[in-house]
Protein backbone atom coordinates (compact mmCIF):
# COMPACT_ATOMS: atom_id res chain seq x y z
CA UNK A 1 -0.03 0.00 0.03
CA UNK A 2 2.85 2.40 0.73
CA UNK A 3 4.10 2.14 -2.92
CA UNK A 4 0.58 3.00 -4.07
CA UNK A 5 0.29 6.01 -1.73
CA UNK A 6 3.67 7.28 -3.04
CA UNK A 7 2.61 6.81 -6.61
CA UNK A 8 -0.71 8.52 -5.97
CA UNK A 9 1.05 11.43 -4.28
CA UNK A 10 3.19 11.87 -7.36
CA UNK A 11 0.24 11.70 -9.69
CA UNK A 12 -1.86 14.21 -7.68
CA UNK A 13 1.14 16.58 -7.60
CA UNK A 14 1.23 16.34 -11.45
CA UNK A 15 -2.53 16.87 -11.61
CA UNK A 16 -2.54 19.88 -9.39
CA UNK A 17 0.56 21.41 -11.10
CA UNK A 18 -1.16 21.07 -14.45
CA UNK A 19 -3.91 23.30 -13.35
CA UNK A 20 -1.62 26.27 -13.20
CA UNK A 21 1.25 25.52 -15.58
CA UNK A 22 1.87 23.64 -18.77
CA UNK A 23 4.15 20.67 -18.15
CA UNK A 24 7.39 20.28 -20.03
CA UNK A 25 7.69 17.17 -22.20
CA UNK A 26 9.66 15.43 -19.53
CA UNK A 27 7.19 16.34 -16.80
CA UNK A 28 4.26 15.18 -19.04
CA UNK A 29 5.93 11.85 -19.75
CA UNK A 30 6.66 11.31 -15.97
CA UNK A 31 3.06 12.18 -15.05
CA UNK A 32 1.62 9.96 -17.77
CA UNK A 33 3.86 7.12 -16.47
CA UNK A 34 2.42 7.63 -12.90
CA UNK A 35 -1.10 7.63 -14.34
CA UNK A 36 -0.47 4.37 -16.29
CA UNK A 37 1.14 2.69 -13.18
CA UNK A 38 -1.95 3.50 -11.12
CA UNK A 39 -4.27 2.04 -13.64
CA UNK A 40 -2.06 -1.05 -13.94
CA UNK A 41 -2.04 -1.43 -10.14
CA UNK A 42 -5.83 -1.49 -10.02
CA UNK A 43 -6.21 -3.71 -13.11
CA UNK A 44 -4.78 -6.70 -11.19
CA UNK A 45 -4.11 -9.47 -13.68
CA UNK A 46 -5.83 -7.95 -16.72
CA UNK A 47 -3.92 -6.72 -19.73
CA UNK A 48 -4.30 -4.77 -22.85
CA UNK A 49 -7.14 -2.20 -23.27
CA UNK A 50 -9.28 -4.00 -20.69
CA UNK A 51 -6.59 -3.45 -18.06
CA UNK A 52 -6.67 0.35 -18.80
CA UNK A 53 -10.39 0.59 -18.70
CA UNK A 54 -10.92 -1.63 -15.65
CA UNK A 55 -7.91 -0.23 -13.90
CA UNK A 56 -9.28 3.31 -14.24
CA UNK A 57 -12.75 2.28 -13.11
CA UNK A 58 -11.42 0.54 -10.08
CA UNK A 59 -9.15 3.45 -9.16
CA UNK A 60 -12.04 5.79 -9.28
CA UNK A 61 -14.07 3.48 -7.02
CA UNK A 62 -11.04 3.35 -4.65
CA UNK A 63 -10.97 7.09 -4.60
CA UNK A 64 -14.51 7.34 -3.50
CA UNK A 65 -14.01 4.78 -0.82
CA UNK A 66 -10.85 6.50 0.39
CA UNK A 67 -12.01 10.07 -0.10
CA UNK A 68 -10.35 11.45 3.05
CA UNK A 69 -6.99 10.01 2.14
CA UNK A 70 -7.41 11.39 -1.39
CA UNK A 71 -8.24 14.80 -0.02
CA UNK A 72 -5.12 14.77 2.14
CA UNK A 73 -2.89 13.75 -0.70
CA UNK A 74 -4.41 16.50 -2.86
CA UNK A 75 -3.99 19.10 -0.11
CA UNK A 76 -0.30 18.11 0.28
CA UNK A 77 0.15 18.30 -3.48
CA UNK A 78 -1.33 21.79 -3.56
CA UNK A 79 1.06 22.84 -0.79
CA UNK A 80 4.09 21.44 -2.68
CA UNK A 81 3.09 23.06 -6.00
CA UNK A 82 2.55 26.50 -4.33
CA UNK A 83 6.02 26.36 -2.80
CA UNK A 84 7.58 26.55 -6.38
């Protein structure tokens, strides 16, 4: 779970940052990598397009079930982004 939280924190930082600035190509690639890893994590043993679709759907369910944690991670991301 700790790796997932770290990955989500990275993704939410990307997401919050993109609200105020256009990412560089390297930042965009990194953020898309985090996004893909999250979907893969939630896809379990699926692969191909089904993994992407199911992984995303399961992630969004997880976010709803863990809304307080998600809010906390987003708050931390906003604080980090505002420091730059």
